[in-house]
Amino acid sequence: QIQLVESGGGLVQAGGSLRLSCAASGRTFTMAWFRQAPGKEREFVVGINWSASSTYYADSAKGRFTISRDNAKNSVYLQMNSLKPEDTAVYYCAGRAIYGIITTPEYDYWGQGTQVTVSS
């Protein structure tokens, strides 16, 4: 069983930036970030394939967030810029044991989540 550990969350003012990191204990082919705000369902933010040749962003993340990965470190990153109060949520790292970015939560591995709070 692969373990995922997120880090980098915190409190930031609107317009600020944060960089989330996710370290995996083994190889995962597709990686993604999801988020869940209080009282809302978990939603897809962005995904990346093994070679980083393909990424897919939710509309809410386009132009502001950037996903990247370092396979040598079994890690994936989420650079978040121009943060808005509506970005406040627990952010989860997710991984799949097979290829293919999907936007639904049917991922094989999940981290424990890291809180991101954006103040207005």
Protein backbone atom coordinates (compact mmCIF):
# COMPACT_ATOMS: atom_id res chain seq x y z
CA GLN A 1 0.00 0.00 0.00
CA ILE A 2 1.43 3.33 -1.06
CA GLN A 3 1.34 6.14 1.48
CA LEU A 4 0.91 9.77 0.46
CA VAL A 5 1.89 12.62 2.75
CA GLU A 6 0.98 16.22 1.98
CA SER A 7 2.63 19.33 3.34
CA GLY A 8 2.72 23.05 2.70
CA GLY A 9 -0.76 24.15 3.68
CA GLY A 10 -1.39 27.17 5.85
CA LEU A 11 -3.01 30.55 6.20
CA VAL A 12 -2.47 33.14 3.49
CA GLN A 13 -4.07 36.41 2.51
CA ALA A 14 -6.08 36.74 -0.67
CA GLY A 15 -3.76 37.26 -3.61
CA GLY A 16 -0.98 35.30 -1.96
CA SER A 17 0.68 32.03 -2.89
CA LEU A 18 1.26 28.61 -1.40
CA ARG A 19 3.09 25.54 -2.62
CA LEU A 20 1.78 22.15 -1.61
CA SER A 21 3.92 19.04 -1.72
CA CYS A 22 2.98 15.39 -1.72
CA ALA A 23 5.48 12.64 -1.11
CA ALA A 24 4.60 9.08 -2.06
CA SER A 25 6.19 5.98 -0.56
CA GLY A 26 6.26 4.33 -3.98
CA ARG A 27 5.55 4.81 -7.65
CA THR A 28 2.16 6.11 -8.71
CA PHE A 29 1.30 6.63 -12.33
CA THR A 30 -1.33 9.33 -12.25
CA MET A 31 -1.33 11.94 -9.51
CA ALA A 32 -3.93 14.55 -8.70
CA TRP A 33 -4.99 17.13 -6.21
CA PHE A 34 -8.51 17.33 -4.87
CA ARG A 35 -9.98 19.69 -2.32
CA GLN A 36 -12.92 19.69 0.03
CA ALA A 37 -14.44 22.76 1.62
CA PRO A 38 -16.70 22.52 4.69
CA GLY A 39 -20.14 21.26 3.75
CA LYS A 40 -19.13 20.53 0.17
CA GLU A 41 -18.17 17.46 -1.78
CA ARG A 42 -14.59 16.67 -2.60
CA GLU A 43 -13.73 18.23 -5.94
CA PHE A 44 -11.01 17.65 -8.50
CA VAL A 45 -8.44 20.42 -8.86
CA VAL A 46 -5.76 19.14 -11.22
CA GLY A 47 -4.16 15.92 -12.42
CA ILE A 48 -0.87 14.93 -14.02
CA ASN A 49 0.27 11.80 -15.80
CA TRP A 50 3.45 9.83 -15.14
CA SER A 51 5.66 11.63 -17.63
CA ALA A 52 4.14 15.04 -16.88
CA SER A 53 3.34 15.32 -20.57
CA SER A 54 -0.34 15.66 -19.80
CA THR A 55 -2.13 17.73 -17.20
CA TYR A 56 -5.76 18.56 -16.68
CA TYR A 57 -7.02 21.50 -14.65
CA ALA A 58 -10.42 22.26 -13.27
CA ASP A 59 -11.71 25.61 -14.46
CA SER A 60 -11.27 27.03 -10.98
CA ALA A 61 -7.54 26.28 -11.14
CA LYS A 62 -6.68 27.31 -14.67
CA GLY A 63 -4.26 30.19 -14.89
CA ARG A 64 -3.58 30.25 -11.15
CA PHE A 65 -2.43 26.78 -10.13
CA THR A 66 0.41 24.71 -11.57
CA ILE A 67 1.00 21.03 -10.95
CA SER A 68 4.40 19.40 -11.35
CA ARG A 69 6.07 16.17 -10.33
CA ASP A 70 9.51 14.76 -9.63
CA ASN A 71 9.45 11.03 -10.23
CA ALA A 72 12.94 10.60 -8.80
CA LYS A 73 11.49 11.76 -5.50
CA ASN A 74 8.04 10.19 -5.99
CA SER A 75 6.63 13.63 -5.35
CA VAL A 76 4.04 15.94 -6.81
CA TYR A 77 3.63 19.64 -6.19
CA LEU A 78 0.90 22.22 -6.48
CA GLN A 79 1.90 25.84 -6.87
CA MET A 80 -1.08 28.04 -6.07
CA ASN A 81 -0.97 31.72 -6.95
CA SER A 82 -3.53 34.52 -6.75
CA LEU A 83 -5.35 32.66 -4.04
CA LYS A 84 -8.95 33.55 -3.28
CA PRO A 85 -11.05 32.99 -0.15
CA GLU A 86 -13.07 30.43 -2.11
CA ASP A 87 -9.91 28.33 -2.42
CA THR A 88 -10.14 27.64 1.31
CA ALA A 89 -10.38 23.87 1.75
CA VAL A 90 -8.55 20.75 2.80
CA TYR A 91 -6.36 19.75 -0.11
CA TYR A 92 -5.78 16.07 -0.78
CA CYS A 93 -3.14 14.37 -2.84
CA ALA A 94 -4.33 11.30 -4.72
CA GLY A 95 -2.65 8.64 -6.81
CA ARG A 96 -3.64 5.94 -9.24
CA ALA A 97 -1.91 2.66 -9.91
CA ILE A 98 -2.80 2.93 -13.59
CA TYR A 99 -2.52 5.52 -16.31
CA GLY A 100 -5.19 8.06 -17.00
CA ILE A 101 -6.24 11.30 -15.39
CA ILE A 102 -9.79 11.16 -14.06
CA THR A 103 -11.70 13.91 -12.34
CA THR A 104 -13.74 11.69 -10.06
CA PRO A 105 -12.40 10.44 -6.72
CA GLU A 106 -11.79 6.85 -7.85
CA TYR A 107 -8.12 7.02 -7.00
CA ASP A 108 -6.26 4.21 -5.32
CA TYR A 109 -4.25 6.18 -2.78
CA TRP A 110 -5.01 9.26 -0.71
CA GLY A 111 -3.12 11.50 1.63
CA GLN A 112 -4.46 12.76 4.92
CA GLY A 113 -5.03 16.27 3.60
CA THR A 114 -3.55 19.66 4.34
CA GLN A 115 -5.57 22.73 5.27
CA VAL A 116 -5.38 25.81 3.09
CA THR A 117 -7.08 28.93 4.44
CA VAL A 118 -7.26 32.12 2.43
CA SER A 119 -8.30 35.22 4.31
CA SER A 120 -10.00 38.16 2.65
